[in-house]
Amino acid sequence: MTTKKKKRRRRFGIGRLHISRGTLHNLCVLGFALVCAALLFFGTQGILRSYVKKHDDGKILSGVYVGNTDVSGMDRLEAIDAVKKDITACGAEMITIEIAEGKKMEASLQELGLSSPGMEDVVGQAVQYGKTGSAAQRYKAMKRSEKKKLEQHFPLEYQVEEQAASKVLAARSEAFLDMPVNASLAQGTDGIQITESKEGEVLNTEKTIENLTRFLNEDWDGKGGTVKAVIEKQDAPVGAEDLEGLTDILGSYTTYYGGSSSGRIQNVESAAGHLNGILLQPGEEQSANEAMEPYTYENGYAEADSYESNNVVQTMGGGICQVSTTLYNALLYAELEIVERYPHSMLVSYVEPSMDAAIADDVLDLVFKNNLDFPIYIQSILADGNLTFNIYGRETRSPGRMLTFYSETTESKETEGKRFVATEDYIGYFGIQSYSHPEINAQLWKVVTENGEEISRDVVNYSQYVAAPATYGVGVSSDDPAQTERMNNAILSQDEEVIQSAMQEILYGG
């Protein structure tokens, strides 16, 4: 019997795994394709990276905005400067605050304290746009930028300064609101009388500022706009029950302001009104400046003479120092604690040296504290050109106790000469602006007597006033600029004969 051998098909394998020739061929083709794809990918990536590196000049891509500012082609510092300038420019835009139908007030964004605290971080994001991510993403962003097809916005987050905005909004809203009315004290024929308080409307500044912030970050286009105010009903801060038992006048003082200019009269009366009705609990402090400010038209003030750097100048609220001075003396008689008090740079006419109390925004202030065991109430009265402050409380001092305050000048030096300043009057005007003031050192004494017998004598304060010569105003206005220049040059000489000679020659020739 013949045995036939079977042909065996050749197979390649490792262990039990066997791969046919066809499968091996396919794997080789796939491997080759993968190698080619990898070479193509890495080659493309190399080309893209080379392109990106070559065209990256460190500048922001064209078509990139931070907020409303186009920062195309800028470096980081240039972009920060440009955005800051645009935010500052937006400060001039007016925001309308709608209180009710037909009742609106306005404020500029600068007054409200517009800012963007995270601005520099956003600029940093703009600088990095198109510089991070894969090479393909960066290449795509650069090509779109080159073709002017890129428009990428990085929004800013805006806010207003809460304290500044609160002051502006509160002051300007009062004219449109039926404000709460505090209970008040008055001296009647039957003794002290209490007038009941009244409920009223108030602006919720916190919620109104929230509405404003929401508008700036959601709807604002860099221009003005309208924001809804939040108005609420509120009881008056001081009720009749708060004033019960405050039946005694602990201290009182009066000064005369009736002969002042119209602007100064307005300022005295407005400032006195802001201080009227303050109720101070035991241990509480009060700043006169905080109660009277802001010194704006909207808050009832006008321009008038005031002291500034030892000169008499026109400022908003000129005259408020007479109000703080009058209050200061009433507080002394009430024997309340004076935390801060400053003299004027020069003497004032309405009180003796060392009896004054100057106010200068946030630099000089009158701050006092209720150091008694019961509340005190401040009342201001305006009558016949006189300003009076009364301090009400509970009298616990002996009926025989008497206070006397007197000013003592410890050193005085007269000043000589005259000072000449230009005014906006026409050439030919020559008039006194302020009289001379000597240099003075003074102190204020407090003398206490009991049943006519002196029990103490103490110095309350020390004050120093600089000398100031008489100041004369000289008109320099003219239709001829050469004449104005001549008068200004004459004033620079500070020689009265030169000034008078120039004035006469301009007016009459010669």
Protein backbone atom coordinates (compact mmCIF):
# COMPACT_ATOMS: atom_id res chain seq x y z
CA MET A 1 0.00 0.00 0.00
CA THR A 2 1.30 3.30 -0.99
CA THR A 3 0.99 6.14 1.57
CA LYS A 4 0.58 9.69 0.17
CA LYS A 5 2.08 12.49 2.09
CA LYS A 6 -0.22 15.45 2.68
CA LYS A 7 1.11 18.83 1.70
CA ARG A 8 1.29 21.12 4.65
CA ARG A 9 0.65 24.80 4.23
CA ARG A 10 3.50 26.81 5.65
CA ARG A 11 2.53 29.11 8.50
CA PHE A 12 4.57 31.56 10.54
CA GLY A 13 3.91 31.95 14.17
CA ILE A 14 5.15 32.42 17.62
CA GLY A 15 3.93 29.96 20.07
CA ARG A 16 0.27 29.28 19.29
CA LEU A 17 -0.23 32.59 17.34
CA HIS A 18 -0.07 32.06 13.60
CA ILE A 19 -0.09 34.91 11.03
CA SER A 20 -0.75 34.26 7.39
CA ARG A 21 1.23 35.89 4.58
CA GLY A 22 -1.74 38.06 3.70
CA THR A 23 -2.18 39.34 7.20
CA LEU A 24 1.49 40.12 7.49
CA HIS A 25 1.37 42.09 4.29
CA ASN A 26 -1.57 44.11 5.54
CA LEU A 27 0.22 44.85 8.80
CA CYS A 28 3.27 46.06 6.94
CA VAL A 29 1.17 48.36 4.82
CA LEU A 30 -0.63 49.70 7.91
CA GLY A 31 2.65 50.27 9.72
CA PHE A 32 4.08 52.11 6.73
CA ALA A 33 0.95 54.29 6.57
CA LEU A 34 1.20 55.08 10.26
CA VAL A 35 4.86 56.03 9.91
CA CYS A 36 4.02 58.28 6.96
CA ALA A 37 1.13 59.86 8.88
CA ALA A 38 3.39 60.47 11.87
CA LEU A 39 6.06 61.99 9.65
CA LEU A 40 3.43 64.17 7.99
CA PHE A 41 1.94 65.20 11.35
CA PHE A 42 5.25 66.07 12.94
CA GLY A 43 6.41 67.73 9.77
CA THR A 44 3.28 69.83 9.62
CA GLN A 45 3.61 70.67 13.30
CA GLY A 46 7.20 71.72 12.71
CA ILE A 47 6.15 73.94 9.82
CA LEU A 48 3.32 75.47 11.89
CA ARG A 49 5.60 76.04 14.87
CA SER A 50 8.17 77.65 12.62
CA TYR A 51 5.50 79.94 11.15
CA VAL A 52 4.12 80.88 14.56
CA LYS A 53 7.59 81.56 15.95
CA LYS A 54 8.54 83.65 12.92
CA HIS A 55 5.39 85.80 13.05
CA ASP A 56 5.10 86.17 16.85
CA ASP A 57 6.44 89.68 17.58
CA GLY A 58 5.15 89.73 21.16
CA LYS A 59 2.35 92.12 20.23
CA ILE A 60 -1.37 91.56 20.68
CA LEU A 61 -3.03 90.12 17.57
CA SER A 62 -5.01 92.46 15.35
CA GLY A 63 -8.72 92.24 16.12
CA VAL A 64 -8.40 91.80 19.89
CA TYR A 65 -10.38 94.06 22.23
CA VAL A 66 -10.21 94.59 26.00
CA GLY A 67 -13.56 95.94 27.05
CA ASN A 68 -14.35 98.56 24.41
CA THR A 69 -10.67 99.25 23.64
CA ASP A 70 -9.02 97.97 20.47
CA VAL A 71 -5.58 96.81 21.64
CA SER A 72 -4.40 95.44 18.28
CA GLY A 73 -0.63 95.53 17.80
CA MET A 74 0.11 96.72 21.35
CA ASP A 75 2.42 95.25 23.95
CA ARG A 76 1.21 94.71 27.52
CA LEU A 77 2.16 98.14 28.89
CA GLU A 78 0.76 99.95 25.86
CA ALA A 79 -2.50 98.05 26.17
CA ILE A 80 -2.81 98.80 29.91
CA ASP A 81 -2.24 102.49 29.22
CA ALA A 82 -4.80 102.54 26.39
CA VAL A 83 -7.48 100.77 28.46
CA LYS A 84 -6.85 103.07 31.44
CA LYS A 85 -7.28 106.14 29.21
CA ASP A 86 -10.55 104.81 27.83
CA ILE A 87 -11.88 104.05 31.32
CA THR A 88 -10.90 107.57 32.41
CA ALA A 89 -12.62 109.03 29.35
CA CYS A 90 -15.76 107.06 30.22
CA GLY A 91 -15.79 108.91 33.53
CA ALA A 92 -17.34 111.89 31.73
CA GLU A 93 -20.36 109.82 30.70
CA MET A 94 -23.53 110.67 32.62
CA ILE A 95 -25.69 108.03 34.28
CA THR A 96 -29.35 108.86 34.84
CA ILE A 97 -30.79 107.46 38.06
CA GLU A 98 -34.56 107.12 37.69
CA ILE A 99 -36.24 107.59 41.07
CA ALA A 100 -39.86 107.63 39.93
CA GLU A 101 -41.96 108.76 36.99
CA GLY A 102 -40.63 112.18 36.02
CA LYS A 103 -38.08 112.16 38.85
CA LYS A 104 -34.52 111.66 37.65
CA MET A 105 -31.07 112.67 38.81
CA GLU A 106 -27.72 112.47 37.05
CA ALA A 107 -24.16 111.69 38.07
CA SER A 108 -20.99 111.19 36.08
CA LEU A 109 -19.19 107.86 36.26
CA GLN A 110 -16.14 109.75 37.51
CA GLU A 111 -18.12 111.07 40.48
CA LEU A 112 -19.35 107.54 41.17
CA GLY A 113 -15.78 106.19 41.17
CA LEU A 114 -15.78 104.01 38.03
CA SER A 115 -12.94 101.46 37.94
CA SER A 116 -12.01 98.00 36.65
CA PRO A 117 -9.87 96.31 39.34
CA GLY A 118 -9.03 93.21 37.26
CA MET A 119 -8.14 95.14 34.13
CA GLU A 120 -4.43 94.22 34.07
CA ASP A 121 -5.21 90.50 34.31
CA VAL A 122 -7.62 90.79 31.37
CA VAL A 123 -4.95 92.61 29.35
CA GLY A 124 -2.64 89.69 30.15
CA GLN A 125 -5.21 87.30 28.64
CA ALA A 126 -5.39 89.48 25.52
CA VAL A 127 -1.59 89.43 25.19
CA GLN A 128 -1.57 85.60 25.38
CA TYR A 129 -4.40 85.10 22.91
CA GLY A 130 -3.04 83.20 19.89
CA LYS A 131 0.21 82.46 21.76
CA THR A 132 -0.96 79.36 23.64
CA GLY A 133 -2.59 76.07 22.69
CA SER A 134 -1.59 73.76 19.83
CA ALA A 135 0.46 74.97 16.90
CA ALA A 136 -2.60 74.56 14.68
CA GLN A 137 -4.75 76.71 16.98
CA ARG A 138 -2.09 79.42 17.14
CA TYR A 139 -1.56 79.30 13.36
CA LYS A 140 -5.30 79.59 12.75
CA ALA A 141 -5.62 82.60 15.08
CA MET A 142 -2.65 84.35 13.43
CA LYS A 143 -3.92 83.75 9.90
CA ARG A 144 -7.38 85.08 10.79
CA SER A 145 -5.70 88.11 12.36
CA GLU A 146 -3.62 88.73 9.23
CA LYS A 147 -6.73 88.53 7.03
CA LYS A 148 -8.57 91.01 9.32
CA LYS A 149 -11.16 88.34 10.10
CA LEU A 150 -10.36 88.04 13.81
CA GLU A 151 -12.58 89.72 16.40
CA GLN A 152 -11.91 88.54 19.92
CA HIS A 153 -13.37 90.44 22.90
CA PHE A 154 -12.11 90.14 26.46
CA PRO A 155 -14.78 91.72 28.69
CA LEU A 156 -13.85 93.88 31.69
CA GLU A 157 -15.59 93.77 35.03
CA TYR A 158 -16.56 97.27 36.16
CA GLN A 159 -17.46 98.62 39.57
CA VAL A 160 -18.04 101.95 41.30
CA GLU A 161 -16.46 103.13 44.55
CA GLU A 162 -19.14 102.38 47.12
CA GLN A 163 -18.46 105.23 49.54
CA ALA A 164 -18.20 107.90 46.83
CA ALA A 165 -21.26 106.62 44.98
CA SER A 166 -23.31 106.42 48.19
CA LYS A 167 -22.55 110.05 49.08
CA VAL A 168 -23.38 111.37 45.62
CA LEU A 169 -26.58 109.37 45.23
CA ALA A 170 -27.84 110.09 48.74
CA ALA A 171 -27.21 113.84 48.47
CA ARG A 172 -28.81 114.24 45.02
CA SER A 173 -31.83 112.06 45.69
CA GLU A 174 -33.05 114.12 48.66
CA ALA A 175 -34.54 116.81 46.40
CA PHE A 176 -36.83 114.20 44.80
CA LEU A 177 -37.89 112.32 47.92
CA ASP A 178 -40.31 112.93 50.74
CA MET A 179 -37.62 112.28 53.33
CA PRO A 180 -38.33 111.08 56.89
CA VAL A 181 -38.51 113.90 59.41
CA ASN A 182 -36.84 113.42 62.77
CA ALA A 183 -38.56 114.26 65.98
CA SER A 184 -37.30 117.61 67.22
CA LEU A 185 -36.98 119.72 70.35
CA ALA A 186 -37.96 123.34 70.69
CA GLN A 187 -38.16 125.83 73.54
CA GLY A 188 -41.80 126.89 73.85
CA THR A 189 -43.77 129.03 76.26
CA ASP A 190 -44.53 125.93 78.32
CA GLY A 191 -40.96 124.67 78.31
CA ILE A 192 -39.35 122.10 76.05
CA GLN A 193 -41.72 120.74 73.40
CA ILE A 194 -41.21 117.61 71.29
CA THR A 195 -42.45 117.43 67.69
CA GLU A 196 -43.29 113.92 66.47
CA SER A 197 -41.27 112.27 63.72
CA LYS A 198 -42.68 111.42 60.26
CA GLU A 199 -42.13 108.38 58.05
CA GLY A 200 -40.67 109.09 54.63
CA GLU A 201 -38.90 107.84 51.52
CA VAL A 202 -35.21 107.01 51.38
CA LEU A 203 -32.87 105.80 48.66
CA ASN A 204 -31.50 102.32 49.29
CA THR A 205 -28.00 103.17 48.10
CA GLU A 206 -26.70 99.60 48.44
CA LYS A 207 -29.35 98.09 46.14
CA THR A 208 -29.18 101.06 43.76
CA ILE A 209 -25.42 100.56 43.45
CA GLU A 210 -26.07 96.86 42.77
CA ASN A 211 -28.39 97.89 39.89
CA LEU A 212 -25.73 100.27 38.62
CA THR A 213 -23.00 97.60 38.76
CA ARG A 214 -25.25 95.12 36.96
CA PHE A 215 -25.91 97.67 34.22
CA LEU A 216 -22.19 98.38 33.76
CA ASN A 217 -21.34 94.68 33.41
CA GLU A 218 -24.32 93.48 31.38
CA ASP A 219 -25.78 96.29 29.26
CA TRP A 220 -23.22 99.10 29.15
CA ASP A 221 -21.80 100.14 25.77
CA GLY A 222 -19.33 102.70 27.09
CA LYS A 223 -21.83 105.54 26.85
CA GLY A 224 -24.38 106.95 29.28
CA GLY A 225 -27.43 105.05 30.41
CA THR A 226 -30.36 104.85 32.81
CA VAL A 227 -30.48 102.87 36.04
CA LYS A 228 -33.49 102.32 38.26
CA ALA A 229 -33.16 103.54 41.83
CA VAL A 230 -34.48 101.50 44.76
CA ILE A 231 -36.73 103.62 47.00
CA GLU A 232 -38.03 102.38 50.35
CA LYS A 233 -40.28 103.66 53.10
CA GLN A 234 -38.45 104.27 56.36
CA ASP A 235 -39.12 105.61 59.83
CA ALA A 236 -37.15 108.67 60.90
CA PRO A 237 -33.89 107.82 62.71
CA VAL A 238 -34.88 109.97 65.69
CA GLY A 239 -38.29 109.36 67.24
CA ALA A 240 -40.09 111.28 69.99
CA GLU A 241 -39.22 108.56 72.47
CA ASP A 242 -35.52 109.16 71.82
CA LEU A 243 -35.83 112.77 72.97
CA GLU A 244 -37.84 112.20 76.11
CA GLY A 245 -35.98 113.45 79.14
CA LEU A 246 -33.59 115.70 77.17
CA THR A 247 -35.13 118.79 78.70
CA ASP A 248 -32.09 120.94 79.51
CA ILE A 249 -29.84 123.15 77.40
CA LEU A 250 -26.34 122.13 78.44
CA GLY A 251 -24.53 124.60 76.20
CA SER A 252 -25.43 127.38 73.78
CA TYR A 253 -23.53 129.84 71.56
CA THR A 254 -24.44 132.46 68.94
CA THR A 255 -22.51 134.25 66.16
CA TYR A 256 -23.68 136.81 63.59
CA TYR A 257 -23.43 136.07 59.86
CA GLY A 258 -26.05 138.43 58.45
CA GLY A 259 -23.57 140.89 56.92
CA SER A 260 -21.95 138.24 54.71
CA SER A 261 -22.19 137.84 50.93
CA SER A 262 -25.18 135.95 49.53
CA GLY A 263 -23.04 132.88 48.80
CA ARG A 264 -21.62 132.82 52.31
CA ILE A 265 -25.07 133.25 53.87
CA GLN A 266 -26.31 130.29 51.82
CA ASN A 267 -23.39 128.16 52.99
CA VAL A 268 -23.83 129.01 56.66
CA GLU A 269 -27.53 128.22 56.56
CA SER A 270 -27.06 125.01 54.57
CA ALA A 271 -24.29 123.70 56.84
CA ALA A 272 -26.30 124.56 59.98
CA GLY A 273 -29.23 122.59 58.57
CA HIS A 274 -27.06 119.51 58.06
CA LEU A 275 -25.96 119.60 61.71
CA ASN A 276 -29.43 120.28 63.07
CA GLY A 277 -31.18 117.36 64.76
CA ILE A 278 -28.16 115.12 65.41
CA LEU A 279 -28.75 112.73 68.29
CA LEU A 280 -25.58 111.37 69.87
CA GLN A 281 -25.72 108.39 72.20
CA PRO A 282 -23.26 108.00 75.11
CA GLY A 283 -19.78 107.15 73.80
CA GLU A 284 -20.56 108.07 70.18
CA GLU A 285 -18.39 110.46 68.16
CA GLN A 286 -19.47 112.91 65.47
CA SER A 287 -17.46 114.60 62.70
CA ALA A 288 -18.80 118.02 61.75
CA ASN A 289 -17.24 117.69 58.31
CA GLU A 290 -18.98 114.36 57.62
CA ALA A 291 -22.34 115.84 58.63
CA MET A 292 -21.97 118.92 56.40
CA GLU A 293 -20.33 117.47 53.26
CA PRO A 294 -20.34 117.15 50.29
CA TYR A 295 -19.80 120.82 49.50
CA THR A 296 -21.66 120.88 46.19
CA TYR A 297 -24.45 122.86 44.57
CA GLU A 298 -26.70 119.81 44.87
CA ASN A 299 -26.15 119.71 48.63
CA GLY A 300 -27.09 123.35 49.07
CA TYR A 301 -23.72 125.13 48.85
CA ALA A 302 -22.31 128.00 46.78
CA GLU A 303 -18.94 129.66 46.21
CA ALA A 304 -17.76 132.20 48.79
CA ASP A 305 -14.59 133.54 50.44
CA SER A 306 -12.52 131.14 52.53
CA TYR A 307 -8.94 130.72 53.74
CA GLU A 308 -6.61 128.57 51.66
CA SER A 309 -2.81 128.50 52.13
CA ASN A 310 -2.97 131.82 54.00
CA ASN A 311 -4.91 133.45 51.17
CA VAL A 312 -8.54 134.47 50.79
CA VAL A 313 -9.99 132.55 47.84
CA GLN A 314 -13.38 131.62 46.42
CA THR A 315 -14.28 128.02 47.25
CA MET A 316 -17.40 125.88 47.44
CA GLY A 317 -18.82 126.10 50.94
CA GLY A 318 -16.91 129.20 52.04
CA GLY A 319 -18.34 130.12 55.45
CA ILE A 320 -18.84 126.65 56.90
CA CYS A 321 -16.07 127.34 59.41
CA GLN A 322 -18.33 129.86 61.14
CA VAL A 323 -20.82 127.02 61.60
CA SER A 324 -18.23 124.64 63.07
CA THR A 325 -16.87 127.46 65.25
CA THR A 326 -20.30 128.30 66.66
CA LEU A 327 -20.92 124.62 67.36
CA TYR A 328 -17.46 124.28 68.97
CA ASN A 329 -18.23 126.95 71.54
CA ALA A 330 -21.64 125.44 72.35
CA LEU A 331 -19.92 122.08 72.89
CA LEU A 332 -17.39 123.70 75.25
CA TYR A 333 -20.19 125.08 77.41
CA ALA A 334 -21.87 121.64 77.41
CA GLU A 335 -18.49 120.21 78.50
CA LEU A 336 -18.52 117.52 75.84
CA GLU A 337 -15.22 115.94 74.83
CA ILE A 338 -13.46 117.60 71.87
CA VAL A 339 -11.57 114.89 69.95
CA GLU A 340 -10.24 117.10 67.12
CA ARG A 341 -10.13 120.87 66.67
CA TYR A 342 -7.89 123.08 64.52
CA PRO A 343 -7.47 126.86 64.33
CA HIS A 344 -7.62 128.81 61.08
CA SER A 345 -4.39 129.84 59.39
CA MET A 346 -5.38 133.49 59.96
CA LEU A 347 -7.66 135.26 62.43
CA VAL A 348 -11.41 135.26 61.86
CA SER A 349 -13.70 138.16 62.68
CA TYR A 350 -16.64 136.42 64.37
CA VAL A 351 -14.84 135.06 67.49
CA GLU A 352 -11.77 135.83 69.55
CA PRO A 353 -8.45 134.02 68.92
CA SER A 354 -8.45 130.35 69.95
CA MET A 355 -12.25 130.20 69.95
CA ASP A 356 -12.45 129.13 66.30
CA ALA A 357 -12.65 125.65 64.73
CA ALA A 358 -11.59 125.30 61.10
CA ILE A 359 -12.95 122.84 58.54
CA ALA A 360 -11.07 121.85 55.38
CA ASP A 361 -12.58 118.77 53.69
CA ASP A 362 -10.75 115.72 55.08
CA VAL A 363 -7.73 117.70 56.33
CA LEU A 364 -9.15 119.81 59.18
CA ASP A 365 -12.21 118.73 61.13
CA LEU A 366 -14.16 119.29 64.33
CA VAL A 367 -14.78 115.92 65.97
CA PHE A 368 -16.53 115.59 69.32
CA LYS A 369 -17.70 112.80 71.60
CA ASN A 370 -20.64 112.38 73.92
CA ASN A 371 -18.80 111.62 77.14
CA LEU A 372 -21.99 111.85 79.22
CA ASP A 373 -24.20 109.03 80.52
CA PHE A 374 -27.24 110.05 78.43
CA PRO A 375 -27.93 111.12 74.83
CA ILE A 376 -27.39 114.68 73.65
CA TYR A 377 -29.34 116.47 70.91
CA ILE A 378 -27.97 119.24 68.68
CA GLN A 379 -30.24 122.06 67.56
CA SER A 380 -29.34 124.88 65.17
CA ILE A 381 -31.40 128.07 64.97
CA LEU A 382 -31.22 130.75 62.25
CA ALA A 383 -32.85 134.07 63.07
CA ASP A 384 -32.20 137.68 62.02
CA GLY A 385 -28.72 136.88 60.67
CA ASN A 386 -27.73 135.04 63.86
CA LEU A 387 -26.67 131.41 64.08
CA THR A 388 -27.25 129.63 67.39
CA PHE A 389 -26.41 126.09 68.46
CA ASN A 390 -28.09 124.56 71.49
CA ILE A 391 -26.91 121.28 73.05
CA TYR A 392 -29.81 119.51 74.80
CA GLY A 393 -29.46 116.79 77.44
CA ARG A 394 -30.03 116.22 81.15
CA GLU A 395 -28.41 118.73 83.45
CA THR A 396 -26.56 116.95 86.26
CA ARG A 397 -24.16 119.76 87.16
CA SER A 398 -24.61 121.84 90.27
CA PRO A 399 -26.92 124.86 89.82
CA GLY A 400 -24.17 127.06 91.25
CA ARG A 401 -21.57 125.87 88.69
CA MET A 402 -20.61 128.59 86.17
CA LEU A 403 -18.29 128.38 83.13
CA THR A 404 -16.29 131.24 81.64
CA PHE A 405 -14.11 130.99 78.52
CA TYR A 406 -11.72 133.74 77.60
CA SER A 407 -9.03 134.20 74.99
CA GLU A 408 -5.51 135.25 75.90
CA THR A 409 -3.03 136.50 73.30
CA THR A 410 0.42 135.41 74.40
CA GLU A 411 2.36 136.90 71.48
CA SER A 412 1.50 139.35 68.69
CA LYS A 413 3.52 140.75 65.83
CA GLU A 414 2.09 143.27 63.40
CA THR A 415 2.63 142.84 59.70
CA GLU A 416 3.62 145.54 57.25
CA GLY A 417 3.20 146.17 53.54
CA LYS A 418 0.53 145.25 51.04
CA ARG A 419 -0.07 142.31 48.74
CA PHE A 420 -1.53 142.66 45.24
CA VAL A 421 -3.40 139.94 43.37
CA ALA A 422 -4.94 139.85 39.89
CA THR A 423 -8.72 139.65 39.58
CA GLU A 424 -11.05 139.07 36.64
CA ASP A 425 -12.33 142.65 36.87
CA TYR A 426 -11.58 145.08 34.05
CA ILE A 427 -8.45 147.20 34.18
CA GLY A 428 -9.16 150.14 36.45
CA TYR A 429 -10.47 148.12 39.40
CA PHE A 430 -8.37 148.45 42.55
CA GLY A 431 -9.95 147.39 45.86
CA ILE A 432 -9.14 145.76 49.18
CA GLN A 433 -9.77 142.00 49.31
CA SER A 434 -8.82 141.39 52.94
CA TYR A 435 -7.36 143.47 55.75
CA SER A 436 -4.01 142.74 57.36
CA HIS A 437 -3.72 140.15 60.10
CA PRO A 438 -0.97 140.13 62.73
CA GLU A 439 0.96 137.03 63.67
CA ILE A 440 -0.61 135.82 66.90
CA ASN A 441 -0.10 133.07 69.45
CA ALA A 442 -3.14 132.58 71.66
CA GLN A 443 -4.68 130.21 74.17
CA LEU A 444 -8.22 129.64 75.42
CA TRP A 445 -8.86 129.46 79.16
CA LYS A 446 -11.73 127.67 80.90
CA VAL A 447 -12.59 129.01 84.34
CA VAL A 448 -15.04 127.12 86.57
CA THR A 449 -16.67 128.68 89.61
CA GLU A 450 -19.01 127.15 92.20
CA ASN A 451 -21.32 129.60 93.96
CA GLY A 452 -19.02 132.44 92.97
CA GLU A 453 -15.80 130.74 94.09
CA GLU A 454 -13.21 129.71 91.48
CA ILE A 455 -12.46 126.00 91.64
CA SER A 456 -10.42 125.49 88.44
CA ARG A 457 -8.63 127.37 85.67
CA ASP A 458 -7.32 125.36 82.71
CA VAL A 459 -6.07 125.98 79.17
CA VAL A 460 -8.40 124.43 76.62
CA ASN A 461 -6.26 124.87 73.51
CA TYR A 462 -3.29 126.67 71.97
CA SER A 463 -3.51 128.39 68.58
CA GLN A 464 -1.12 130.07 66.21
CA TYR A 465 -2.15 132.43 63.41
CA VAL A 466 0.19 133.54 60.64
CA ALA A 467 0.64 137.17 59.65
CA ALA A 468 -0.95 138.37 56.42
CA PRO A 469 -0.59 141.82 54.86
CA ALA A 470 -3.58 143.70 53.52
CA THR A 471 -4.51 142.19 50.16
CA TYR A 472 -5.67 144.34 47.24
CA GLY A 473 -7.33 143.08 44.09
CA VAL A 474 -6.23 144.56 40.74
CA GLY A 475 -8.34 144.16 37.61
CA VAL A 476 -6.49 142.78 34.57
CA SER A 477 -9.29 142.01 32.07
CA SER A 478 -9.12 143.78 28.72
CA ASP A 479 -10.05 143.22 25.08
CA ASP A 480 -6.39 143.85 24.31
CA PRO A 481 -4.19 140.89 25.43
CA ALA A 482 -1.13 143.18 25.49
CA GLN A 483 -2.76 145.40 28.13
CA THR A 484 -3.67 142.37 30.25
CA GLU A 485 -0.08 141.14 30.02
CA ARG A 486 1.22 144.58 31.03
CA MET A 487 -1.01 144.66 34.13
CA ASN A 488 0.02 141.12 35.11
CA ASN A 489 3.68 142.10 34.81
CA ALA A 490 3.05 145.17 36.96
CA ILE A 491 1.39 143.01 39.63
CA LEU A 492 4.40 140.68 39.62
CA SER A 493 6.51 143.63 40.76
CA GLN A 494 4.35 143.93 43.93
CA ASP A 495 5.08 147.68 43.75
CA GLU A 496 1.96 149.83 44.16
CA GLU A 497 3.48 152.77 42.25
CA VAL A 498 4.31 150.54 39.27
CA ILE A 499 0.79 149.06 39.33
CA GLN A 500 -0.93 152.44 39.55
CA SER A 501 1.30 153.90 36.83
CA ALA A 502 0.54 151.05 34.42
CA MET A 503 -3.18 151.33 35.15
CA GLN A 504 -3.23 155.11 34.52
CA GLU A 505 -1.28 154.82 31.27
CA ILE A 506 -3.59 152.12 29.93
CA LEU A 507 -6.74 154.03 30.89
CA TYR A 508 -5.70 157.56 30.01
CA GLY A 509 -2.54 157.26 27.93
CA GLY A 510 0.71 159.04 28.65
